[in-house]
C-alpha atoms as a PDB file:
ATOM      1  CA  MET A   1     -54.968 -46.983  77.476  1.00  0.00           C
ATOM      2  CA  ALA A   2     -56.344 -45.842  73.833  1.00  0.00           C
ATOM      3  CA  GLU A   3     -57.409 -47.437  70.963  1.00  0.00           C
ATOM      4  CA  ARG A   4     -55.206 -45.567  67.576  1.00  0.00           C
ATOM      5  CA  TYR A   5     -54.059 -45.970  64.676  1.00  0.00           C
ATOM      6  CA  GLY A   6     -50.766 -44.940  63.135  1.00  0.00           C
ATOM      7  CA  ILE A   7     -47.352 -45.181  60.682  1.00  0.00           C
ATOM      8  CA  ILE A   8     -44.160 -45.535  61.042  1.00  0.00           C
ATOM      9  CA  VAL A   9     -42.344 -44.231  57.737  1.00  0.00           C
ATOM     10  CA  THR A  10     -38.695 -44.333  56.540  1.00  0.00           C
ATOM     11  CA  LEU A  11     -37.185 -42.012  54.600  1.00  0.00           C
ATOM     12  CA  LYS A  12     -33.879 -42.170  52.930  1.00  0.00           C
ATOM     13  CA  VAL A  13     -32.632 -39.151  52.167  1.00  0.00           C
ATOM     14  CA  LYS A  14     -29.754 -37.900  49.353  1.00  0.00           C
ATOM     15  CA  GLU A  15     -26.462 -36.838  50.881  1.00  0.00           C
ATOM     16  CA  GLY A  16     -26.332 -33.498  52.187  1.00  0.00           C
ATOM     17  CA  LYS A  17     -29.781 -32.741  52.807  1.00  0.00           C
ATOM     18  CA  MET A  18     -31.121 -34.143  55.907  1.00  0.00           C
ATOM     19  CA  GLU A  19     -30.667 -30.971  57.653  1.00  0.00           C
ATOM     20  CA  GLU A  20     -33.453 -29.348  54.887  1.00  0.00           C
ATOM     21  CA  LEU A  21     -35.327 -32.396  55.410  1.00  0.00           C
ATOM     22  CA  LEU A  22     -35.460 -31.984  59.503  1.00  0.00           C
ATOM     23  CA  GLU A  23     -36.660 -28.578  58.839  1.00  0.00           C
ATOM     24  CA  LEU A  24     -39.585 -29.699  56.116  1.00  0.00           C
ATOM     25  CA  SER A  25     -40.089 -32.205  58.754  1.00  0.00           C
ATOM     26  CA  LYS A  26     -40.516 -30.281  61.968  1.00  0.00           C
ATOM     27  CA  GLY A  27     -42.772 -27.572  59.589  1.00  0.00           C
ATOM     28  CA  HIS A  28     -45.057 -30.561  58.645  1.00  0.00           C
ATOM     29  CA  PHE A  29     -45.916 -31.692  62.148  1.00  0.00           C
ATOM     30  CA  LEU A  30     -46.668 -28.318  63.431  1.00  0.00           C
ATOM     31  CA  ARG A  31     -48.897 -27.709  60.543  1.00  0.00           C
ATOM     32  CA  GLN A  32     -50.352 -31.242  61.371  1.00  0.00           C
ATOM     33  CA  HIS A  33     -50.807 -30.522  65.310  1.00  0.00           C
ATOM     34  CA  ASP A  34     -52.279 -27.044  64.589  1.00  0.00           C
ATOM     35  CA  GLY A  35     -55.785 -28.108  63.924  1.00  0.00           C
ATOM     36  CA  ARG A  36     -55.351 -28.752  60.397  1.00  0.00           C
ATOM     37  CA  GLU A  37     -55.673 -32.322  60.380  1.00  0.00           C
ATOM     38  CA  PRO A  38     -57.987 -33.381  62.802  1.00  0.00           C
ATOM     39  CA  ASN A  39     -57.577 -35.938  65.413  1.00  0.00           C
ATOM     40  CA  ALA A  40     -53.849 -35.761  64.398  1.00  0.00           C
ATOM     41  CA  THR A  41     -52.741 -36.840  68.220  1.00  0.00           C
ATOM     42  CA  LEU A  42     -49.186 -37.429  67.789  1.00  0.00           C
ATOM     43  CA  ALA A  43     -45.870 -37.162  65.898  1.00  0.00           C
ATOM     44  CA  SER A  44     -41.867 -38.001  66.201  1.00  0.00           C
ATOM     45  CA  ILE A  45     -39.084 -37.392  64.437  1.00  0.00           C
ATOM     46  CA  VAL A  46     -36.657 -40.404  65.049  1.00  0.00           C
ATOM     47  CA  MET A  47     -33.190 -38.705  64.340  1.00  0.00           C
ATOM     48  CA  PRO A  48     -30.748 -40.821  62.074  1.00  0.00           C
ATOM     49  CA  LEU A  49     -28.552 -43.415  63.678  1.00  0.00           C
ATOM     50  CA  PRO A  50     -24.915 -42.844  63.440  1.00  0.00           C
ATOM     51  CA  ASP A  51     -24.286 -46.015  61.505  1.00  0.00           C
ATOM     52  CA  ASP A  52     -27.024 -44.932  59.225  1.00  0.00           C
ATOM     53  CA  PRO A  53     -26.737 -41.006  58.722  1.00  0.00           C
ATOM     54  CA  ASN A  54     -29.051 -40.637  55.600  1.00  0.00           C
ATOM     55  CA  THR A  55     -32.320 -42.277  57.083  1.00  0.00           C
ATOM     56  CA  ILE A  56     -34.831 -40.850  59.361  1.00  0.00           C
ATOM     57  CA  ARG A  57     -38.035 -41.959  60.585  1.00  0.00           C
ATOM     58  CA  TYR A  58     -41.474 -40.679  61.508  1.00  0.00           C
ATOM     59  CA  PHE A  59     -43.704 -42.433  63.773  1.00  0.00           C
ATOM     60  CA  GLU A  60     -47.292 -40.749  63.567  1.00  0.00           C
ATOM     61  CA  GLN A  61     -50.742 -41.068  65.334  1.00  0.00           C
ATOM     62  CA  TRP A  62     -54.261 -40.520  64.800  1.00  0.00           C
ATOM     63  CA  VAL A  63     -57.547 -41.233  66.560  1.00  0.00           C
ATOM     64  CA  SER A  64     -59.229 -43.698  63.878  1.00  0.00           C
ATOM     65  CA  LYS A  65     -57.655 -45.674  60.522  1.00  0.00           C
ATOM     66  CA  GLU A  66     -60.230 -42.440  58.972  1.00  0.00           C
ATOM     67  CA  ASP A  67     -58.503 -39.888  60.888  1.00  0.00           C
ATOM     68  CA  TYR A  68     -55.071 -41.599  59.072  1.00  0.00           C
ATOM     69  CA  GLU A  69     -56.787 -41.987  55.356  1.00  0.00           C
ATOM     70  CA  LEU A  70     -58.017 -38.214  55.746  1.00  0.00           C
ATOM     71  CA  HIS A  71     -54.189 -37.463  56.808  1.00  0.00           C
ATOM     72  CA  SER A  72     -53.449 -39.041  53.347  1.00  0.00           C
ATOM     73  CA  ASN A  73     -54.855 -36.837  50.807  1.00  0.00           C
ATOM     74  CA  HIS A  74     -54.633 -33.785  53.248  1.00  0.00           C
ATOM     75  CA  GLU A  75     -52.935 -30.876  51.884  1.00  0.00           C
ATOM     76  CA  ASN A  76     -50.298 -30.637  54.209  1.00  0.00           C
ATOM     77  CA  LEU A  77     -48.830 -34.076  53.251  1.00  0.00           C
ATOM     78  CA  GLN A  78     -48.904 -32.800  49.652  1.00  0.00           C
ATOM     79  CA  PHE A  79     -47.285 -30.048  50.304  1.00  0.00           C
ATOM     80  CA  PHE A  80     -44.422 -31.762  52.152  1.00  0.00           C
ATOM     81  CA  PHE A  81     -43.811 -34.195  49.372  1.00  0.00           C
ATOM     82  CA  GLY A  82     -43.949 -31.618  46.723  1.00  0.00           C
ATOM     83  CA  LYS A  83     -40.966 -30.143  48.475  1.00  0.00           C
ATOM     84  CA  ALA A  84     -39.209 -32.944  50.483  1.00  0.00           C
ATOM     85  CA  GLY A  85     -39.691 -35.000  47.007  1.00  0.00           C
ATOM     86  CA  PRO A  86     -36.431 -34.007  45.564  1.00  0.00           C
ATOM     87  CA  LEU A  87     -34.528 -34.479  48.681  1.00  0.00           C
ATOM     88  CA  LEU A  88     -35.678 -38.373  48.837  1.00  0.00           C
ATOM     89  CA  ASP A  89     -33.418 -41.208  47.527  1.00  0.00           C
ATOM     90  CA  GLY A  90     -36.227 -43.472  46.990  1.00  0.00           C
ATOM     91  CA  ALA A  91     -39.997 -43.829  47.866  1.00  0.00           C
ATOM     92  CA  PRO A  92     -41.032 -43.807  51.727  1.00  0.00           C
ATOM     93  CA  VAL A  93     -41.250 -47.103  53.235  1.00  0.00           C
ATOM     94  CA  ILE A  94     -44.776 -46.708  55.191  1.00  0.00           C
ATOM     95  CA  VAL A  95     -45.977 -49.284  57.820  1.00  0.00           C
ATOM     96  CA  GLU A  96     -49.143 -48.864  59.005  1.00  0.00           C
ATOM     97  CA  ALA A  97     -51.435 -50.436  61.659  1.00  0.00           C
ATOM     98  CA  PRO A  98     -53.701 -50.005  64.573  1.00  0.00           C
ATOM     99  CA  MET A  99     -52.064 -49.150  68.101  1.00  0.00           C
ATOM    100  CA  ILE A 100     -52.824 -49.435  71.818  1.00  0.00           C
ATOM    101  CA  HIS A 101     -51.422 -46.128  73.179  1.00  0.00           C
ATOM    102  CA  TYR A 102     -50.095 -45.433  76.353  1.00  0.00           C
ATOM    103  CA  ALA A 103     -49.600 -42.012  78.020  1.00  0.00           C
ATOM    104  CA  LYS A 104     -48.439 -40.460  81.233  1.00  0.00           C
END
């Protein structure tokens, strides 16, 4: 068990743009975890549900709130939203909170 800080992000995607957003998302998370964003510990892409095919969610985690705050201004995030912004149908909904993390 470890204390962490994380976010759950919900994105509404324009019709026909999900595959493009998925590819951008994969690149974003690969960069996030290649050492560019210190203390990023976890990221998951929650795929669209059949009854909501234009919504995607992310689950992301850092060691601390301070690490998350660094992410919020990181060039990787700015690059991602620069490319992904035109694919979105509205602003992202972000829930951030302390977490208790368990891993095997």
